[in-house]
Amino acid sequence: FLFEVGGDGRKLLYLYAYGEKQLMKG
């Protein structure tokens, strides 16, 4: 995964979909 920390401190996981990053909600 691509891991990022949101502005509110949330732990966000991203994958790629059609060459663009996509947030994996849930």
PDB file of all heavy atoms in Angstrom:
ATOM      1  N   PHE A   1       0.836  -1.200   0.000  1.00  0.00           N
ATOM      2  CA  PHE A   1       0.000   0.000   0.000  1.00  0.00           C
ATOM      3  C   PHE A   1       0.874   1.254   0.000  1.00  0.00           C
ATOM      4  O   PHE A   1       2.020   1.230   0.456  1.00  0.00           O
ATOM      5  CB  PHE A   1      -0.886   0.055   1.252  1.00  0.00           C
ATOM      6  CG  PHE A   1      -1.933  -0.999   1.356  1.00  0.00           C
ATOM      7  CD1 PHE A   1      -1.719  -2.152   2.105  1.00  0.00           C
ATOM      8  CD2 PHE A   1      -3.163  -0.856   0.722  1.00  0.00           C
ATOM      9  CE1 PHE A   1      -2.688  -3.132   2.223  1.00  0.00           C
ATOM     10  CE2 PHE A   1      -4.147  -1.820   0.829  1.00  0.00           C
ATOM     11  CZ  PHE A   1      -3.909  -2.970   1.581  1.00  0.00           C
ATOM     12  N   LEU A   2       0.300   2.347  -0.467  1.00  0.00           N
ATOM     13  CA  LEU A   2       0.854   3.677  -0.208  1.00  0.00           C
ATOM     14  C   LEU A   2       0.181   4.174   1.064  1.00  0.00           C
ATOM     15  O   LEU A   2      -1.050   4.269   1.129  1.00  0.00           O
ATOM     16  CB  LEU A   2       0.579   4.633  -1.367  1.00  0.00           C
ATOM     17  CG  LEU A   2       0.892   6.110  -1.102  1.00  0.00           C
ATOM     18  CD1 LEU A   2       2.365   6.328  -0.787  1.00  0.00           C
ATOM     19  CD2 LEU A   2       0.460   6.977  -2.278  1.00  0.00           C
ATOM     20  N   PHE A   3       0.984   4.467   2.084  1.00  0.00           N
ATOM     21  CA  PHE A   3       0.437   4.902   3.371  1.00  0.00           C
ATOM     22  C   PHE A   3       0.586   6.405   3.527  1.00  0.00           C
ATOM     23  O   PHE A   3       1.647   6.966   3.247  1.00  0.00           O
ATOM     24  CB  PHE A   3       1.155   4.190   4.519  1.00  0.00           C
ATOM     25  CG  PHE A   3       0.732   4.670   5.885  1.00  0.00           C
ATOM     26  CD1 PHE A   3      -0.527   4.376   6.377  1.00  0.00           C
ATOM     27  CD2 PHE A   3       1.602   5.417   6.668  1.00  0.00           C
ATOM     28  CE1 PHE A   3      -0.916   4.812   7.633  1.00  0.00           C
ATOM     29  CE2 PHE A   3       1.227   5.864   7.924  1.00  0.00           C
ATOM     30  CZ  PHE A   3      -0.038   5.560   8.415  1.00  0.00           C
ATOM     31  N   GLU A   4      -0.471   7.049   3.956  1.00  0.00           N
ATOM     32  CA  GLU A   4      -0.430   8.485   4.238  1.00  0.00           C
ATOM     33  C   GLU A   4      -1.207   8.779   5.512  1.00  0.00           C
ATOM     34  O   GLU A   4      -2.144   8.044   5.866  1.00  0.00           O
ATOM     35  CB  GLU A   4      -1.011   9.291   3.073  1.00  0.00           C
ATOM     36  CG  GLU A   4      -0.170   9.239   1.800  1.00  0.00           C
ATOM     37  CD  GLU A   4      -0.729  10.116   0.690  1.00  0.00           C
ATOM     38  OE1 GLU A   4      -1.777  10.766   0.920  1.00  0.00           O
ATOM     39  OE2 GLU A   4      -0.129  10.141  -0.403  1.00  0.00           O
ATOM     40  N   VAL A   5      -0.822   9.853   6.170  1.00  0.00           N
ATOM     41  CA  VAL A   5      -1.529  10.307   7.360  1.00  0.00           C
ATOM     42  C   VAL A   5      -2.375  11.508   6.980  1.00  0.00           C
ATOM     43  O   VAL A   5      -1.860  12.496   6.445  1.00  0.00           O
ATOM     44  CB  VAL A   5      -0.553  10.681   8.495  1.00  0.00           C
ATOM     45  CG1 VAL A   5      -1.316  11.191   9.704  1.00  0.00           C
ATOM     46  CG2 VAL A   5       0.311   9.478   8.870  1.00  0.00           C
ATOM     47  N   GLY A   6      -3.683  11.409   7.199  1.00  0.00           N
ATOM     48  CA  GLY A   6      -4.592  12.496   6.853  1.00  0.00           C
ATOM     49  C   GLY A   6      -4.443  13.694   7.770  1.00  0.00           C
ATOM     50  O   GLY A   6      -3.770  13.627   8.812  1.00  0.00           O
ATOM     51  N   GLY A   7      -5.074  14.803   7.394  1.00  0.00           N
ATOM     52  CA  GLY A   7      -4.989  16.018   8.191  1.00  0.00           C
ATOM     53  C   GLY A   7      -5.545  15.849   9.589  1.00  0.00           C
ATOM     54  O   GLY A   7      -5.137  16.535  10.528  1.00  0.00           O
ATOM     55  N   ASP A   8      -6.480  14.922   9.739  1.00  0.00           N
ATOM     56  CA  ASP A   8      -7.065  14.654  11.049  1.00  0.00           C
ATOM     57  C   ASP A   8      -6.363  13.519  11.774  1.00  0.00           C
ATOM     58  O   ASP A   8      -6.866  13.014  12.787  1.00  0.00           O
ATOM     59  CB  ASP A   8      -8.552  14.325  10.900  1.00  0.00           C
ATOM     60  CG  ASP A   8      -8.790  13.190   9.906  1.00  0.00           C
ATOM     61  OD1 ASP A   8      -7.800  12.684   9.350  1.00  0.00           O
ATOM     62  OD2 ASP A   8      -9.962  12.826   9.689  1.00  0.00           O
ATOM     63  N   GLY A   9      -5.196  13.088  11.248  1.00  0.00           N
ATOM     64  CA  GLY A   9      -4.444  12.023  11.888  1.00  0.00           C
ATOM     65  C   GLY A   9      -4.870  10.628  11.495  1.00  0.00           C
ATOM     66  O   GLY A   9      -4.323   9.648  12.010  1.00  0.00           O
ATOM     67  N   ARG A  10      -5.820  10.499  10.574  1.00  0.00           N
ATOM     68  CA  ARG A  10      -6.276   9.171  10.158  1.00  0.00           C
ATOM     69  C   ARG A  10      -5.204   8.460   9.354  1.00  0.00           C
ATOM     70  O   ARG A  10      -4.440   9.078   8.614  1.00  0.00           O
ATOM     71  CB  ARG A  10      -7.558   9.284   9.328  1.00  0.00           C
ATOM     72  CG  ARG A  10      -8.805   9.626  10.127  1.00  0.00           C
ATOM     73  CD  ARG A  10     -10.036   9.541   9.234  1.00  0.00           C
ATOM     74  NE  ARG A  10      -9.893  10.415   8.065  1.00  0.00           N
ATOM     75  CZ  ARG A  10     -10.394  10.136   6.862  1.00  0.00           C
ATOM     76  NH1 ARG A  10     -11.049   9.001   6.675  1.00  0.00           N
ATOM     77  NH2 ARG A  10     -10.250  10.989   5.860  1.00  0.00           N
ATOM     78  N   LYS A  11      -5.179   7.120   9.477  1.00  0.00           N
ATOM     79  CA  LYS A  11      -4.250   6.293   8.719  1.00  0.00           C
ATOM     80  C   LYS A  11      -4.933   5.898   7.412  1.00  0.00           C
ATOM     81  O   LYS A  11      -5.942   5.182   7.431  1.00  0.00           O
ATOM     82  CB  LYS A  11      -3.864   5.053   9.515  1.00  0.00           C
ATOM     83  CG  LYS A  11      -3.263   5.359  10.878  1.00  0.00           C
ATOM     84  CD  LYS A  11      -3.104   4.077  11.700  1.00  0.00           C
ATOM     85  CE  LYS A  11      -2.685   4.377  13.121  1.00  0.00           C
ATOM     86  NZ  LYS A  11      -2.639   3.149  13.949  1.00  0.00           N
ATOM     87  N   LEU A  12      -4.367   6.346   6.297  1.00  0.00           N
ATOM     88  CA  LEU A  12      -4.989   6.139   4.991  1.00  0.00           C
ATOM     89  C   LEU A  12      -4.158   5.177   4.154  1.00  0.00           C
ATOM     90  O   LEU A  12      -2.931   5.282   4.098  1.00  0.00           O
ATOM     91  CB  LEU A  12      -5.132   7.477   4.260  1.00  0.00           C
ATOM     92  CG  LEU A  12      -5.853   8.595   5.029  1.00  0.00           C
ATOM     93  CD1 LEU A  12      -5.849   9.882   4.219  1.00  0.00           C
ATOM     94  CD2 LEU A  12      -7.280   8.182   5.363  1.00  0.00           C
ATOM     95  N   LEU A  13      -4.836   4.244   3.509  1.00  0.00           N
ATOM     96  CA  LEU A  13      -4.194   3.279   2.626  1.00  0.00           C
ATOM     97  C   LEU A  13      -4.656   3.510   1.197  1.00  0.00           C
ATOM     98  O   LEU A  13      -5.856   3.606   0.939  1.00  0.00           O
ATOM     99  CB  LEU A  13      -4.528   1.847   3.063  1.00  0.00           C
ATOM    100  CG  LEU A  13      -3.979   1.408   4.424  1.00  0.00           C
ATOM    101  CD1 LEU A  13      -4.483   0.018   4.776  1.00  0.00           C
ATOM    102  CD2 LEU A  13      -2.453   1.438   4.432  1.00  0.00           C
ATOM    103  N   TYR A  14      -3.678   3.584   0.273  1.00  0.00           N
ATOM    104  CA  TYR A  14      -3.984   3.831  -1.136  1.00  0.00           C
ATOM    105  C   TYR A  14      -3.435   2.695  -1.996  1.00  0.00           C
ATOM    106  O   TYR A  14      -2.394   2.095  -1.694  1.00  0.00           O
ATOM    107  CB  TYR A  14      -3.355   5.143  -1.612  1.00  0.00           C
ATOM    108  CG  TYR A  14      -3.959   6.394  -1.008  1.00  0.00           C
ATOM    109  CD1 TYR A  14      -3.470   6.902   0.192  1.00  0.00           C
ATOM    110  CD2 TYR A  14      -5.001   7.059  -1.641  1.00  0.00           C
ATOM    111  CE1 TYR A  14      -4.008   8.053   0.748  1.00  0.00           C
ATOM    112  CE2 TYR A  14      -5.549   8.217  -1.095  1.00  0.00           C
ATOM    113  CZ  TYR A  14      -5.049   8.701   0.096  1.00  0.00           C
ATOM    114  OH  TYR A  14      -5.591   9.846   0.646  1.00  0.00           O
ATOM    115  N   LEU A  15      -4.133   2.415  -3.083  1.00  0.00           N
ATOM    116  CA  LEU A  15      -3.666   1.525  -4.130  1.00  0.00           C
ATOM    117  C   LEU A  15      -3.740   2.261  -5.456  1.00  0.00           C
ATOM    118  O   LEU A  15      -4.177   3.420  -5.495  1.00  0.00           O
ATOM    119  CB  LEU A  15      -4.506   0.243  -4.173  1.00  0.00           C
ATOM    120  CG  LEU A  15      -4.397  -0.679  -2.960  1.00  0.00           C
ATOM    121  CD1 LEU A  15      -5.421  -1.795  -3.045  1.00  0.00           C
ATOM    122  CD2 LEU A  15      -2.989  -1.263  -2.846  1.00  0.00           C
ATOM    123  N   TYR A  16      -3.325   1.612  -6.530  1.00  0.00           N
ATOM    124  CA  TYR A  16      -3.405   2.216  -7.854  1.00  0.00           C
ATOM    125  C   TYR A  16      -4.599   1.650  -8.617  1.00  0.00           C
ATOM    126  O   TYR A  16      -4.859   0.448  -8.558  1.00  0.00           O
ATOM    127  CB  TYR A  16      -2.119   1.942  -8.642  1.00  0.00           C
ATOM    128  CG  TYR A  16      -1.184   3.133  -8.694  1.00  0.00           C
ATOM    129  CD1 TYR A  16      -1.168   4.072  -7.673  1.00  0.00           C
ATOM    130  CD2 TYR A  16      -0.305   3.313  -9.758  1.00  0.00           C
ATOM    131  CE1 TYR A  16      -0.313   5.145  -7.719  1.00  0.00           C
ATOM    132  CE2 TYR A  16       0.557   4.395  -9.808  1.00  0.00           C
ATOM    133  CZ  TYR A  16       0.537   5.314  -8.781  1.00  0.00           C
ATOM    134  OH  TYR A  16       1.381   6.391  -8.814  1.00  0.00           O
ATOM    135  N   ALA A  17      -5.305   2.520  -9.298  1.00  0.00           N
ATOM    136  CA  ALA A  17      -6.390   2.122 -10.192  1.00  0.00           C
ATOM    137  C   ALA A  17      -6.263   2.957 -11.456  1.00  0.00           C
ATOM    138  O   ALA A  17      -6.371   4.187 -11.403  1.00  0.00           O
ATOM    139  CB  ALA A  17      -7.749   2.340  -9.534  1.00  0.00           C
ATOM    140  N   TYR A  18      -5.954   2.300 -12.562  1.00  0.00           N
ATOM    141  CA  TYR A  18      -5.773   2.964 -13.857  1.00  0.00           C
ATOM    142  C   TYR A  18      -4.711   4.058 -13.785  1.00  0.00           C
ATOM    143  O   TYR A  18      -4.852   5.150 -14.328  1.00  0.00           O
ATOM    144  CB  TYR A  18      -7.107   3.551 -14.336  1.00  0.00           C
ATOM    145  CG  TYR A  18      -8.204   2.537 -14.444  1.00  0.00           C
ATOM    146  CD1 TYR A  18      -9.225   2.491 -13.487  1.00  0.00           C
ATOM    147  CD2 TYR A  18      -8.224   1.591 -15.463  1.00  0.00           C
ATOM    148  CE1 TYR A  18     -10.234   1.544 -13.560  1.00  0.00           C
ATOM    149  CE2 TYR A  18      -9.225   0.635 -15.543  1.00  0.00           C
ATOM    150  CZ  TYR A  18     -10.222   0.616 -14.592  1.00  0.00           C
ATOM    151  OH  TYR A  18     -11.208  -0.335 -14.664  1.00  0.00           O
ATOM    152  N   GLY A  19      -3.643   3.760 -13.057  1.00  0.00           N
ATOM    153  CA  GLY A  19      -2.517   4.679 -12.990  1.00  0.00           C
ATOM    154  C   GLY A  19      -2.674   5.815 -12.007  1.00  0.00           C
ATOM    155  O   GLY A  19      -1.791   6.655 -11.897  1.00  0.00           O
ATOM    156  N   GLU A  20      -3.781   5.865 -11.270  1.00  0.00           N
ATOM    157  CA  GLU A  20      -4.005   6.913 -10.273  1.00  0.00           C
ATOM    158  C   GLU A  20      -4.216   6.278  -8.906  1.00  0.00           C
ATOM    159  O   GLU A  20      -4.752   5.175  -8.791  1.00  0.00           O
ATOM    160  CB  GLU A  20      -5.225   7.757 -10.644  1.00  0.00           C
ATOM    161  CG  GLU A  20      -5.128   8.435 -12.010  1.00  0.00           C
ATOM    162  CD  GLU A  20      -4.055   9.501 -12.056  1.00  0.00           C
ATOM    163  OE1 GLU A  20      -3.726  10.031 -10.974  1.00  0.00           O
ATOM    164  OE2 GLU A  20      -3.552   9.794 -13.153  1.00  0.00           O
ATOM    165  N   LYS A  21      -3.783   6.981  -7.850  1.00  0.00           N
ATOM    166  CA  LYS A  21      -3.957   6.401  -6.524  1.00  0.00           C
ATOM    167  C   LYS A  21      -5.415   6.475  -6.098  1.00  0.00           C
ATOM    168  O   LYS A  21      -6.120   7.451  -6.383  1.00  0.00           O
ATOM    169  CB  LYS A  21      -3.044   7.085  -5.510  1.00  0.00           C
ATOM    170  CG  LYS A  21      -3.405   8.504  -5.120  1.00  0.00           C
ATOM    171  CD  LYS A  21      -2.441   8.996  -4.039  1.00  0.00           C
ATOM    172  CE  LYS A  21      -2.878  10.335  -3.468  1.00  0.00           C
ATOM    173  NZ  LYS A  21      -1.991  10.794  -2.385  1.00  0.00           N
ATOM    174  N   GLN A  22      -5.837   5.424  -5.418  1.00  0.00           N
ATOM    175  CA  GLN A  22      -7.237   5.312  -4.990  1.00  0.00           C
ATOM    176  C   GLN A  22      -7.276   4.953  -3.514  1.00  0.00           C
ATOM    177  O   GLN A  22      -6.648   3.998  -3.067  1.00  0.00           O
ATOM    178  CB  GLN A  22      -7.959   4.242  -5.807  1.00  0.00           C
ATOM    179  CG  GLN A  22      -9.386   3.968  -5.356  1.00  0.00           C
ATOM    180  CD  GLN A  22     -10.064   2.936  -6.224  1.00  0.00           C
ATOM    181  OE1 GLN A  22     -10.056   3.039  -7.453  1.00  0.00           O
ATOM    182  NE2 GLN A  22     -10.637   1.913  -5.607  1.00  0.00           N
ATOM    183  N   LEU A  23      -8.022   5.733  -2.729  1.00  0.00           N
ATOM    184  CA  LEU A  23      -8.158   5.489  -1.297  1.00  0.00           C
ATOM    185  C   LEU A  23      -8.984   4.233  -1.071  1.00  0.00           C
ATOM    186  O   LEU A  23     -10.075   4.074  -1.624  1.00  0.00           O
ATOM    187  CB  LEU A  23      -8.820   6.688  -0.619  1.00  0.00           C
ATOM    188  CG  LEU A  23      -9.106   6.543   0.884  1.00  0.00           C
ATOM    189  CD1 LEU A  23      -7.801   6.400   1.662  1.00  0.00           C
ATOM    190  CD2 LEU A  23      -9.909   7.741   1.388  1.00  0.00           C
ATOM    191  N   MET A  24      -8.463   3.321  -0.240  1.00  0.00           N
ATOM    192  CA  MET A  24      -9.179   2.096   0.088  1.00  0.00           C
ATOM    193  C   MET A  24     -10.000   2.341   1.349  1.00  0.00           C
ATOM    194  O   MET A  24      -9.536   2.143   2.478  1.00  0.00           O
ATOM    195  CB  MET A  24      -8.185   0.937   0.275  1.00  0.00           C
ATOM    196  CG  MET A  24      -7.288   0.697  -0.926  1.00  0.00           C
ATOM    197  SD  MET A  24      -8.227   0.451  -2.455  1.00  0.00           S
ATOM    198  CE  MET A  24      -9.026  -1.110  -2.094  1.00  0.00           C
ATOM    199  N   LYS A  25     -11.207   2.818   1.138  1.00  0.00           N
ATOM    200  CA  LYS A  25     -12.084   3.162   2.260  1.00  0.00           C
ATOM    201  C   LYS A  25     -12.445   1.911   3.047  1.00  0.00           C
ATOM    202  O   LYS A  25     -12.719   0.863   2.479  1.00  0.00           O
ATOM    203  CB  LYS A  25     -13.344   3.840   1.744  1.00  0.00           C
ATOM    204  CG  LYS A  25     -13.084   5.168   1.045  1.00  0.00           C
ATOM    205  CD  LYS A  25     -14.377   5.782   0.535  1.00  0.00           C
ATOM    206  CE  LYS A  25     -14.106   7.110  -0.173  1.00  0.00           C
ATOM    207  NZ  LYS A  25     -15.355   7.718  -0.699  1.00  0.00           N
ATOM    208  N   GLY A  26     -12.448   2.031   4.348  1.00  0.00           N
ATOM    209  CA  GLY A  26     -12.815   0.918   5.218  1.00  0.00           C
ATOM    210  C   GLY A  26     -11.661   0.017   5.605  1.00  0.00           C
ATOM    211  O   GLY A  26     -11.799  -0.832   6.490  1.00  0.00           O
TER     212      GLY A  26
END
